[in-house]
Amino acid sequence: MKNISKTLIIALCTLSSLSVSAHGMHKSKPLSFEELPKICQQYFTRADACYQKAGDKASFQRDNTKYLRQILPAADVGQRERMCQIAMDTFAEKTKNLSCE
């Protein structure tokens, strides 16, 4: 529960710093993998491998990662890099119960 709380706090802080409206998110076109900053590509590759290995028990983390991928188009490049760096830096802690790495 403590890890979930930390994850939610980090996500909320990140999202609040973006000042992104729902309208702005709606109008943003999805980014291809190649359009993502390198750190985001590394994070999504790492996360996908972990979640695939962990199976159904990774559904919560998988949904959080999916949400991150959905909000990235509404952010500028610097914000994308910061969000993915936070996700990368906290990944091991968020997924230690999955034993996927």
PDB file of N, CA and C in Angstrom:
ATOM      1  N   MET A   1       0.824  -1.190   0.000  1.00  0.00           N
ATOM      2  CA  MET A   1       0.000   0.000   0.000  1.00  0.00           C
ATOM      3  C   MET A   1       0.869   1.255   0.000  1.00  0.00           C
ATOM      4  N   LYS A   2       1.994   1.199   0.720  1.00  0.00           N
ATOM      5  CA  LYS A   2       2.901   2.336   0.783  1.00  0.00           C
ATOM      6  C   LYS A   2       3.456   2.659  -0.603  1.00  0.00           C
ATOM      7  N   ASN A   3       3.807   1.623  -1.382  1.00  0.00           N
ATOM      8  CA  ASN A   3       4.330   1.837  -2.729  1.00  0.00           C
ATOM      9  C   ASN A   3       3.284   2.439  -3.640  1.00  0.00           C
ATOM     10  N   ILE A   4       2.048   1.996  -3.501  1.00  0.00           N
ATOM     11  CA  ILE A   4       0.969   2.544  -4.312  1.00  0.00           C
ATOM     12  C   ILE A   4       0.789   4.018  -3.985  1.00  0.00           C
ATOM     13  N   SER A   5       0.833   4.371  -2.714  1.00  0.00           N
ATOM     14  CA  SER A   5       0.684   5.766  -2.300  1.00  0.00           C
ATOM     15  C   SER A   5       1.794   6.624  -2.888  1.00  0.00           C
ATOM     16  N   LYS A   6       3.029   6.144  -2.820  1.00  0.00           N
ATOM     17  CA  LYS A   6       4.149   6.893  -3.392  1.00  0.00           C
ATOM     18  C   LYS A   6       3.958   7.071  -4.887  1.00  0.00           C
ATOM     19  N   THR A   7       3.543   6.016  -5.568  1.00  0.00           N
ATOM     20  CA  THR A   7       3.329   6.075  -7.007  1.00  0.00           C
ATOM     21  C   THR A   7       2.257   7.089  -7.344  1.00  0.00           C
ATOM     22  N   LEU A   8       1.171   7.074  -6.599  1.00  0.00           N
ATOM     23  CA  LEU A   8       0.086   8.021  -6.860  1.00  0.00           C
ATOM     24  C   LEU A   8       0.517   9.450  -6.584  1.00  0.00           C
ATOM     25  N   ILE A   9       1.277   9.670  -5.540  1.00  0.00           N
ATOM     26  CA  ILE A   9       1.757  11.010  -5.224  1.00  0.00           C
ATOM     27  C   ILE A   9       2.668  11.515  -6.337  1.00  0.00           C
ATOM     28  N   ILE A  10       3.573  10.682  -6.791  1.00  0.00           N
ATOM     29  CA  ILE A  10       4.473  11.067  -7.876  1.00  0.00           C
ATOM     30  C   ILE A  10       3.673  11.385  -9.131  1.00  0.00           C
ATOM     31  N   ALA A  11       2.725  10.530  -9.450  1.00  0.00           N
ATOM     32  CA  ALA A  11       1.911  10.751 -10.647  1.00  0.00           C
ATOM     33  C   ALA A  11       1.114  12.044 -10.541  1.00  0.00           C
ATOM     34  N   LEU A  12       0.516  12.290  -9.379  1.00  0.00           N
ATOM     35  CA  LEU A  12      -0.271  13.507  -9.207  1.00  0.00           C
ATOM     36  C   LEU A  12       0.590  14.756  -9.274  1.00  0.00           C
ATOM     37  N   CYS A  13       1.760  14.708  -8.672  1.00  0.00           N
ATOM     38  CA  CYS A  13       2.665  15.855  -8.734  1.00  0.00           C
ATOM     39  C   CYS A  13       3.097  16.123 -10.167  1.00  0.00           C
ATOM     40  N   THR A  14       3.401  15.068 -10.874  1.00  0.00           N
ATOM     41  CA  THR A  14       3.810  15.207 -12.267  1.00  0.00           C
ATOM     42  C   THR A  14       2.689  15.781 -13.105  1.00  0.00           C
ATOM     43  N   LEU A  15       1.504  15.236 -12.926  1.00  0.00           N
ATOM     44  CA  LEU A  15       0.357  15.698 -13.711  1.00  0.00           C
ATOM     45  C   LEU A  15      -0.017  17.128 -13.364  1.00  0.00           C
ATOM     46  N   SER A  16       0.033  17.493 -12.092  1.00  0.00           N
ATOM     47  CA  SER A  16      -0.338  18.852 -11.719  1.00  0.00           C
ATOM     48  C   SER A  16       0.659  19.857 -12.268  1.00  0.00           C
ATOM     49  N   SER A  17       1.907  19.467 -12.417  1.00  0.00           N
ATOM     50  CA  SER A  17       2.906  20.382 -12.962  1.00  0.00           C
ATOM     51  C   SER A  17       2.726  20.606 -14.451  1.00  0.00           C
ATOM     52  N   LEU A  18       2.031  19.719 -15.092  1.00  0.00           N
ATOM     53  CA  LEU A  18       1.812  19.865 -16.531  1.00  0.00           C
ATOM     54  C   LEU A  18       0.777  20.930 -16.860  1.00  0.00           C
ATOM     55  N   SER A  19      -0.190  21.112 -15.977  1.00  0.00           N
ATOM     56  CA  SER A  19      -1.303  22.021 -16.226  1.00  0.00           C
ATOM     57  C   SER A  19      -1.962  21.707 -17.565  1.00  0.00           C
ATOM     58  N   VAL A  20      -2.191  20.458 -17.789  1.00  0.00           N
ATOM     59  CA  VAL A  20      -2.789  20.008 -19.032  1.00  0.00           C
ATOM     60  C   VAL A  20      -4.289  19.856 -18.822  1.00  0.00           C
ATOM     61  N   SER A  21      -5.058  20.462 -19.700  1.00  0.00           N
ATOM     62  CA  SER A  21      -6.501  20.303 -19.584  1.00  0.00           C
ATOM     63  C   SER A  21      -6.941  19.055 -20.317  1.00  0.00           C
ATOM     64  N   ALA A  22      -8.114  18.552 -19.967  1.00  0.00           N
ATOM     65  CA  ALA A  22      -8.655  17.391 -20.671  1.00  0.00           C
ATOM     66  C   ALA A  22      -8.860  17.715 -22.137  1.00  0.00           C
ATOM     67  N   HIS A  23      -9.220  18.949 -22.410  1.00  0.00           N
ATOM     68  CA  HIS A  23      -9.422  19.358 -23.803  1.00  0.00           C
ATOM     69  C   HIS A  23      -8.108  19.236 -24.586  1.00  0.00           C
ATOM     70  N   GLY A  24      -7.018  19.670 -23.984  1.00  0.00           N
ATOM     71  CA  GLY A  24      -5.715  19.585 -24.647  1.00  0.00           C
ATOM     72  C   GLY A  24      -5.291  18.147 -24.888  1.00  0.00           C
ATOM     73  N   MET A  25      -5.575  17.266 -23.921  1.00  0.00           N
ATOM     74  CA  MET A  25      -5.226  15.862 -24.093  1.00  0.00           C
ATOM     75  C   MET A  25      -6.035  15.254 -25.225  1.00  0.00           C
ATOM     76  N   HIS A  26      -7.290  15.650 -25.315  1.00  0.00           N
ATOM     77  CA  HIS A  26      -8.181  15.084 -26.318  1.00  0.00           C
ATOM     78  C   HIS A  26      -7.712  15.431 -27.733  1.00  0.00           C
ATOM     79  N   LYS A  27      -7.183  16.628 -27.920  1.00  0.00           N
ATOM     80  CA  LYS A  27      -6.799  17.075 -29.258  1.00  0.00           C
ATOM     81  C   LYS A  27      -5.395  16.614 -29.666  1.00  0.00           C
ATOM     82  N   SER A  28      -4.633  16.084 -28.748  1.00  0.00           N
ATOM     83  CA  SER A  28      -3.273  15.653 -29.059  1.00  0.00           C
ATOM     84  C   SER A  28      -3.294  14.306 -29.770  1.00  0.00           C
ATOM     85  N   LYS A  29      -2.544  14.234 -30.858  1.00  0.00           N
ATOM     86  CA  LYS A  29      -2.475  12.948 -31.566  1.00  0.00           C
ATOM     87  C   LYS A  29      -1.476  12.040 -30.856  1.00  0.00           C
ATOM     88  N   PRO A  30      -1.729  10.746 -30.848  1.00  0.00           N
ATOM     89  CA  PRO A  30      -0.797   9.815 -30.206  1.00  0.00           C
ATOM     90  C   PRO A  30       0.593   9.907 -30.848  1.00  0.00           C
ATOM     91  N   LEU A  31       1.604   9.687 -30.049  1.00  0.00           N
ATOM     92  CA  LEU A  31       2.981   9.693 -30.540  1.00  0.00           C
ATOM     93  C   LEU A  31       3.397   8.273 -30.894  1.00  0.00           C
ATOM     94  N   SER A  32       4.090   8.145 -32.008  1.00  0.00           N
ATOM     95  CA  SER A  32       4.649   6.835 -32.335  1.00  0.00           C
ATOM     96  C   SER A  32       5.829   6.583 -31.391  1.00  0.00           C
ATOM     97  N   PHE A  33       6.225   5.352 -31.286  1.00  0.00           N
ATOM     98  CA  PHE A  33       7.358   4.993 -30.428  1.00  0.00           C
ATOM     99  C   PHE A  33       8.597   5.799 -30.821  1.00  0.00           C
ATOM    100  N   GLU A  34       8.809   5.981 -32.109  1.00  0.00           N
ATOM    101  CA  GLU A  34       9.982   6.694 -32.613  1.00  0.00           C
ATOM    102  C   GLU A  34       9.943   8.188 -32.274  1.00  0.00           C
ATOM    103  N   GLU A  35       8.755   8.736 -32.048  1.00  0.00           N
ATOM    104  CA  GLU A  35       8.623  10.153 -31.707  1.00  0.00           C
ATOM    105  C   GLU A  35       8.878  10.431 -30.228  1.00  0.00           C
ATOM    106  N   LEU A  36       8.921   9.400 -29.424  1.00  0.00           N
ATOM    107  CA  LEU A  36       9.141   9.563 -27.989  1.00  0.00           C
ATOM    108  C   LEU A  36      10.605   9.874 -27.698  1.00  0.00           C
ATOM    109  N   PRO A  37      10.869  10.650 -26.631  1.00  0.00           N
ATOM    110  CA  PRO A  37      12.257  10.842 -26.210  1.00  0.00           C
ATOM    111  C   PRO A  37      12.899   9.487 -25.883  1.00  0.00           C
ATOM    112  N   LYS A  38      14.199   9.412 -25.998  1.00  0.00           N
ATOM    113  CA  LYS A  38      14.929   8.163 -25.781  1.00  0.00           C
ATOM    114  C   LYS A  38      14.616   7.546 -24.409  1.00  0.00           C
ATOM    115  N   ILE A  39      14.548   8.367 -23.366  1.00  0.00           N
ATOM    116  CA  ILE A  39      14.263   7.839 -22.030  1.00  0.00           C
ATOM    117  C   ILE A  39      12.874   7.204 -21.989  1.00  0.00           C
ATOM    118  N   CYS A  40      11.934   7.749 -22.719  1.00  0.00           N
ATOM    119  CA  CYS A  40      10.589   7.168 -22.766  1.00  0.00           C
ATOM    120  C   CYS A  40      10.617   5.832 -23.508  1.00  0.00           C
ATOM    121  N   GLN A  41      11.360   5.774 -24.597  1.00  0.00           N
ATOM    122  CA  GLN A  41      11.495   4.512 -25.327  1.00  0.00           C
ATOM    123  C   GLN A  41      12.084   3.443 -24.420  1.00  0.00           C
ATOM    124  N   GLN A  42      13.118   3.816 -23.663  1.00  0.00           N
ATOM    125  CA  GLN A  42      13.751   2.862 -22.749  1.00  0.00           C
ATOM    126  C   GLN A  42      12.769   2.424 -21.665  1.00  0.00           C
ATOM    127  N   TYR A  43      12.027   3.370 -21.111  1.00  0.00           N
ATOM    128  CA  TYR A  43      11.073   3.036 -20.057  1.00  0.00           C
ATOM    129  C   TYR A  43       9.986   2.099 -20.567  1.00  0.00           C
ATOM    130  N   PHE A  44       9.375   2.422 -21.706  1.00  0.00           N
ATOM    131  CA  PHE A  44       8.281   1.597 -22.212  1.00  0.00           C
ATOM    132  C   PHE A  44       8.773   0.206 -22.623  1.00  0.00           C
ATOM    133  N   THR A  45       9.969   0.111 -23.132  1.00  0.00           N
ATOM    134  CA  THR A  45      10.545  -1.200 -23.466  1.00  0.00           C
ATOM    135  C   THR A  45      10.750  -2.018 -22.187  1.00  0.00           C
ATOM    136  N   ARG A  46      11.308  -1.391 -21.171  1.00  0.00           N
ATOM    137  CA  ARG A  46      11.539  -2.064 -19.882  1.00  0.00           C
ATOM    138  C   ARG A  46      10.209  -2.489 -19.252  1.00  0.00           C
ATOM    139  N   ALA A  47       9.250  -1.580 -19.236  1.00  0.00           N
ATOM    140  CA  ALA A  47       7.955  -1.869 -18.628  1.00  0.00           C
ATOM    141  C   ALA A  47       7.237  -2.987 -19.368  1.00  0.00           C
ATOM    142  N   ASP A  48       7.219  -2.928 -20.689  1.00  0.00           N
ATOM    143  CA  ASP A  48       6.532  -3.963 -21.466  1.00  0.00           C
ATOM    144  C   ASP A  48       7.127  -5.347 -21.201  1.00  0.00           C
ATOM    145  N   ALA A  49       8.454  -5.422 -21.141  1.00  0.00           N
ATOM    146  CA  ALA A  49       9.107  -6.712 -20.879  1.00  0.00           C
ATOM    147  C   ALA A  49       8.734  -7.234 -19.492  1.00  0.00           C
ATOM    148  N   CYS A  50       8.724  -6.354 -18.520  1.00  0.00           N
ATOM    149  CA  CYS A  50       8.379  -6.746 -17.150  1.00  0.00           C
ATOM    150  C   CYS A  50       6.930  -7.213 -17.064  1.00  0.00           C
ATOM    151  N   TYR A  51       6.023  -6.433 -17.625  1.00  0.00           N
ATOM    152  CA  TYR A  51       4.599  -6.756 -17.521  1.00  0.00           C
ATOM    153  C   TYR A  51       4.257  -8.035 -18.263  1.00  0.00           C
ATOM    154  N   GLN A  52       4.931  -8.249 -19.366  1.00  0.00           N
ATOM    155  CA  GLN A  52       4.700  -9.491 -20.112  1.00  0.00           C
ATOM    156  C   GLN A  52       5.139 -10.687 -19.272  1.00  0.00           C
ATOM    157  N   LYS A  53       6.279 -10.552 -18.615  1.00  0.00           N
ATOM    158  CA  LYS A  53       6.784 -11.632 -17.772  1.00  0.00           C
ATOM    159  C   LYS A  53       5.885 -11.852 -16.545  1.00  0.00           C
ATOM    160  N   ALA A  54       5.371 -10.762 -15.976  1.00  0.00           N
ATOM    161  CA  ALA A  54       4.568 -10.860 -14.750  1.00  0.00           C
ATOM    162  C   ALA A  54       3.136 -11.306 -15.008  1.00  0.00           C
ATOM    163  N   GLY A  55       2.648 -11.106 -16.203  1.00  0.00           N
ATOM    164  CA  GLY A  55       1.291 -11.535 -16.528  1.00  0.00           C
ATOM    165  C   GLY A  55       0.216 -10.678 -15.885  1.00  0.00           C
ATOM    166  N   ASP A  56      -0.868 -11.324 -15.479  1.00  0.00           N
ATOM    167  CA  ASP A  56      -2.038 -10.619 -14.958  1.00  0.00           C
ATOM    168  C   ASP A  56      -1.772  -9.845 -13.668  1.00  0.00           C
ATOM    169  N   LYS A  57      -0.800 -10.271 -12.899  1.00  0.00           N
ATOM    170  CA  LYS A  57      -0.549  -9.574 -11.632  1.00  0.00           C
ATOM    171  C   LYS A  57       0.040  -8.176 -11.838  1.00  0.00           C
ATOM    172  N   ALA A  58       0.383  -7.837 -13.073  1.00  0.00           N
ATOM    173  CA  ALA A  58       0.922  -6.514 -13.389  1.00  0.00           C
ATOM    174  C   ALA A  58      -0.146  -5.567 -13.932  1.00  0.00           C
ATOM    175  N   SER A  59      -1.411  -5.916 -13.804  1.00  0.00           N
ATOM    176  CA  SER A  59      -2.461  -5.109 -14.425  1.00  0.00           C
ATOM    177  C   SER A  59      -2.492  -3.670 -13.901  1.00  0.00           C
ATOM    178  N   PHE A  60      -2.291  -3.467 -12.615  1.00  0.00           N
ATOM    179  CA  PHE A  60      -2.290  -2.108 -12.058  1.00  0.00           C
ATOM    180  C   PHE A  60      -1.146  -1.284 -12.660  1.00  0.00           C
ATOM    181  N   GLN A  61       0.056  -1.844 -12.629  1.00  0.00           N
ATOM    182  CA  GLN A  61       1.216  -1.139 -13.171  1.00  0.00           C
ATOM    183  C   GLN A  61       1.071  -0.930 -14.682  1.00  0.00           C
ATOM    184  N   ARG A  62       0.529  -1.921 -15.362  1.00  0.00           N
ATOM    185  CA  ARG A  62       0.317  -1.821 -16.813  1.00  0.00           C
ATOM    186  C   ARG A  62      -0.629  -0.657 -17.128  1.00  0.00           C
ATOM    187  N   ASP A  63      -1.690  -0.521 -16.351  1.00  0.00           N
ATOM    188  CA  ASP A  63      -2.641   0.572 -16.561  1.00  0.00           C
ATOM    189  C   ASP A  63      -1.998   1.934 -16.303  1.00  0.00           C
ATOM    190  N   ASN A  64      -1.160   2.033 -15.271  1.00  0.00           N
ATOM    191  CA  ASN A  64      -0.449   3.288 -15.006  1.00  0.00           C
ATOM    192  C   ASN A  64       0.470   3.660 -16.167  1.00  0.00           C
ATOM    193  N   THR A  65       1.164   2.672 -16.700  1.00  0.00           N
ATOM    194  CA  THR A  65       2.060   2.911 -17.829  1.00  0.00           C
ATOM    195  C   THR A  65       1.266   3.306 -19.070  1.00  0.00           C
ATOM    196  N   LYS A  66       0.137   2.668 -19.257  1.00  0.00           N
ATOM    197  CA  LYS A  66      -0.734   3.006 -20.391  1.00  0.00           C
ATOM    198  C   LYS A  66      -1.206   4.457 -20.278  1.00  0.00           C
ATOM    199  N   TYR A  67      -1.559   4.873 -19.066  1.00  0.00           N
ATOM    200  CA  TYR A  67      -1.995   6.252 -18.856  1.00  0.00           C
ATOM    201  C   TYR A  67      -0.859   7.230 -19.159  1.00  0.00           C
ATOM    202  N   LEU A  68       0.338   6.920 -18.710  1.00  0.00           N
ATOM    203  CA  LEU A  68       1.493   7.769 -19.016  1.00  0.00           C
ATOM    204  C   LEU A  68       1.643   7.924 -20.518  1.00  0.00           C
ATOM    205  N   ARG A  69       1.551   6.836 -21.230  1.00  0.00           N
ATOM    206  CA  ARG A  69       1.680   6.876 -22.694  1.00  0.00           C
ATOM    207  C   ARG A  69       0.593   7.750 -23.324  1.00  0.00           C
ATOM    208  N   GLN A  70      -0.604   7.732 -22.744  1.00  0.00           N
ATOM    209  CA  GLN A  70      -1.716   8.523 -23.277  1.00  0.00           C
ATOM    210  C   GLN A  70      -1.561  10.015 -23.029  1.00  0.00           C
ATOM    211  N   ILE A  71      -0.935  10.402 -21.911  1.00  0.00           N
ATOM    212  CA  ILE A  71      -0.824  11.822 -21.610  1.00  0.00           C
ATOM    213  C   ILE A  71       0.421  12.479 -22.214  1.00  0.00           C
ATOM    214  N   LEU A  72       1.378  11.703 -22.648  1.00  0.00           N
ATOM    215  CA  LEU A  72       2.614  12.279 -23.181  1.00  0.00           C
ATOM    216  C   LEU A  72       2.403  13.236 -24.350  1.00  0.00           C
ATOM    217  N   PRO A  73       1.484  12.969 -25.282  1.00  0.00           N
ATOM    218  CA  PRO A  73       1.323  13.902 -26.402  1.00  0.00           C
ATOM    219  C   PRO A  73       0.930  15.321 -25.979  1.00  0.00           C
ATOM    220  N   ALA A  74       0.263  15.478 -24.844  1.00  0.00           N
ATOM    221  CA  ALA A  74      -0.166  16.793 -24.388  1.00  0.00           C
ATOM    222  C   ALA A  74       0.966  17.585 -23.726  1.00  0.00           C
ATOM    223  N   ALA A  75       2.063  16.928 -23.434  1.00  0.00           N
ATOM    224  CA  ALA A  75       3.202  17.562 -22.771  1.00  0.00           C
ATOM    225  C   ALA A  75       4.223  18.033 -23.803  1.00  0.00           C
ATOM    226  N   ASP A  76       5.042  19.004 -23.403  1.00  0.00           N
ATOM    227  CA  ASP A  76       6.137  19.387 -24.302  1.00  0.00           C
ATOM    228  C   ASP A  76       7.286  18.392 -24.126  1.00  0.00           C
ATOM    229  N   VAL A  77       8.296  18.511 -24.944  1.00  0.00           N
ATOM    230  CA  VAL A  77       9.388  17.533 -24.949  1.00  0.00           C
ATOM    231  C   VAL A  77      10.078  17.450 -23.585  1.00  0.00           C
ATOM    232  N   GLY A  78      10.325  18.573 -22.964  1.00  0.00           N
ATOM    233  CA  GLY A  78      10.976  18.573 -21.651  1.00  0.00           C
ATOM    234  C   GLY A  78      10.135  17.874 -20.601  1.00  0.00           C
ATOM    235  N   GLN A  79       8.840  18.117 -20.626  1.00  0.00           N
ATOM    236  CA  GLN A  79       7.938  17.466 -19.684  1.00  0.00           C
ATOM    237  C   GLN A  79       7.891  15.960 -19.936  1.00  0.00           C
ATOM    238  N   ARG A  80       7.895  15.567 -21.191  1.00  0.00           N
ATOM    239  CA  ARG A  80       7.898  14.133 -21.523  1.00  0.00           C
ATOM    240  C   ARG A  80       9.132  13.466 -20.948  1.00  0.00           C
ATOM    241  N   GLU A  81      10.275  14.113 -21.146  1.00  0.00           N
ATOM    242  CA  GLU A  81      11.525  13.541 -20.638  1.00  0.00           C
ATOM    243  C   GLU A  81      11.500  13.429 -19.115  1.00  0.00           C
ATOM    244  N   ARG A  82      10.994  14.462 -18.433  1.00  0.00           N
ATOM    245  CA  ARG A  82      10.940  14.428 -16.959  1.00  0.00           C
ATOM    246  C   ARG A  82      10.001  13.338 -16.468  1.00  0.00           C
ATOM    247  N   MET A  83       8.835  13.215 -17.080  1.00  0.00           N
ATOM    248  CA  MET A  83       7.879  12.188 -16.648  1.00  0.00           C
ATOM    249  C   MET A  83       8.454  10.789 -16.841  1.00  0.00           C
ATOM    250  N   CYS A  84       9.088  10.563 -17.984  1.00  0.00           N
ATOM    251  CA  CYS A  84       9.655   9.236 -18.241  1.00  0.00           C
ATOM    252  C   CYS A  84      10.853   8.965 -17.339  1.00  0.00           C
ATOM    253  N   GLN A  85      11.629  10.004 -17.021  1.00  0.00           N
ATOM    254  CA  GLN A  85      12.759   9.813 -16.112  1.00  0.00           C
ATOM    255  C   GLN A  85      12.255   9.441 -14.723  1.00  0.00           C
ATOM    256  N   ILE A  86      11.189  10.090 -14.263  1.00  0.00           N
ATOM    257  CA  ILE A  86      10.596   9.741 -12.965  1.00  0.00           C
ATOM    258  C   ILE A  86      10.097   8.300 -12.994  1.00  0.00           C
ATOM    259  N   ALA A  87       9.414   7.944 -14.073  1.00  0.00           N
ATOM    260  CA  ALA A  87       8.901   6.575 -14.199  1.00  0.00           C
ATOM    261  C   ALA A  87      10.047   5.566 -14.193  1.00  0.00           C
ATOM    262  N   MET A  88      11.128   5.888 -14.899  1.00  0.00           N
ATOM    263  CA  MET A  88      12.282   4.984 -14.957  1.00  0.00           C
ATOM    264  C   MET A  88      12.941   4.870 -13.581  1.00  0.00           C
ATOM    265  N   ASP A  89      13.108   6.008 -12.908  1.00  0.00           N
ATOM    266  CA  ASP A  89      13.780   6.015 -11.606  1.00  0.00           C
ATOM    267  C   ASP A  89      12.995   5.269 -10.524  1.00  0.00           C
ATOM    268  N   THR A  90      11.693   5.235 -10.639  1.00  0.00           N
ATOM    269  CA  THR A  90      10.858   4.590  -9.616  1.00  0.00           C
ATOM    270  C   THR A  90      10.368   3.203 -10.039  1.00  0.00           C
ATOM    271  N   PHE A  91      10.765   2.751 -11.202  1.00  0.00           N
ATOM    272  CA  PHE A  91      10.249   1.502 -11.744  1.00  0.00           C
ATOM    273  C   PHE A  91      10.565   0.295 -10.861  1.00  0.00           C
ATOM    274  N   ALA A  92      11.793   0.161 -10.446  1.00  0.00           N
ATOM    275  CA  ALA A  92      12.182  -1.005  -9.640  1.00  0.00           C
ATOM    276  C   ALA A  92      11.370  -1.080  -8.350  1.00  0.00           C
ATOM    277  N   GLU A  93      11.153   0.067  -7.715  1.00  0.00           N
ATOM    278  CA  GLU A  93      10.380   0.078  -6.472  1.00  0.00           C
ATOM    279  C   GLU A  93       8.912  -0.264  -6.737  1.00  0.00           C
ATOM    280  N   LYS A  94       8.358   0.284  -7.822  1.00  0.00           N
ATOM    281  CA  LYS A  94       6.944   0.057  -8.133  1.00  0.00           C
ATOM    282  C   LYS A  94       6.654  -1.374  -8.535  1.00  0.00           C
ATOM    283  N   THR A  95       7.659  -2.079  -9.024  1.00  0.00           N
ATOM    284  CA  THR A  95       7.417  -3.416  -9.565  1.00  0.00           C
ATOM    285  C   THR A  95       8.127  -4.526  -8.796  1.00  0.00           C
ATOM    286  N   LYS A  96       8.712  -4.216  -7.651  1.00  0.00           N
ATOM    287  CA  LYS A  96       9.479  -5.248  -6.939  1.00  0.00           C
ATOM    288  C   LYS A  96       8.620  -6.449  -6.559  1.00  0.00           C
ATOM    289  N   ASN A  97       7.327  -6.237  -6.315  1.00  0.00           N
ATOM    290  CA  ASN A  97       6.461  -7.365  -5.960  1.00  0.00           C
ATOM    291  C   ASN A  97       6.121  -8.233  -7.174  1.00  0.00           C
ATOM    292  N   LEU A  98       6.454  -7.766  -8.368  1.00  0.00           N
ATOM    293  CA  LEU A  98       6.179  -8.548  -9.581  1.00  0.00           C
ATOM    294  C   LEU A  98       7.311  -9.526  -9.908  1.00  0.00           C
ATOM    295  N   SER A  99       8.491  -9.304  -9.338  1.00  0.00           N
ATOM    296  CA  SER A  99       9.665 -10.150  -9.600  1.00  0.00           C
ATOM    297  C   SER A  99       9.881 -10.352 -11.097  1.00  0.00           C
ATOM    298  N   CYS A 100       9.898  -9.249 -11.808  1.00  0.00           N
ATOM    299  CA  CYS A 100       9.999  -9.351 -13.272  1.00  0.00           C
ATOM    300  C   CYS A 100      11.351  -8.918 -13.809  1.00  0.00           C
ATOM    301  N   GLU A 101      12.236  -8.462 -12.942  1.00  0.00           N
ATOM    302  CA  GLU A 101      13.568  -8.054 -13.416  1.00  0.00           C
ATOM    303  C   GLU A 101      14.635  -8.833 -12.676  1.00  0.00           C
TER     304      GLU A 101
END
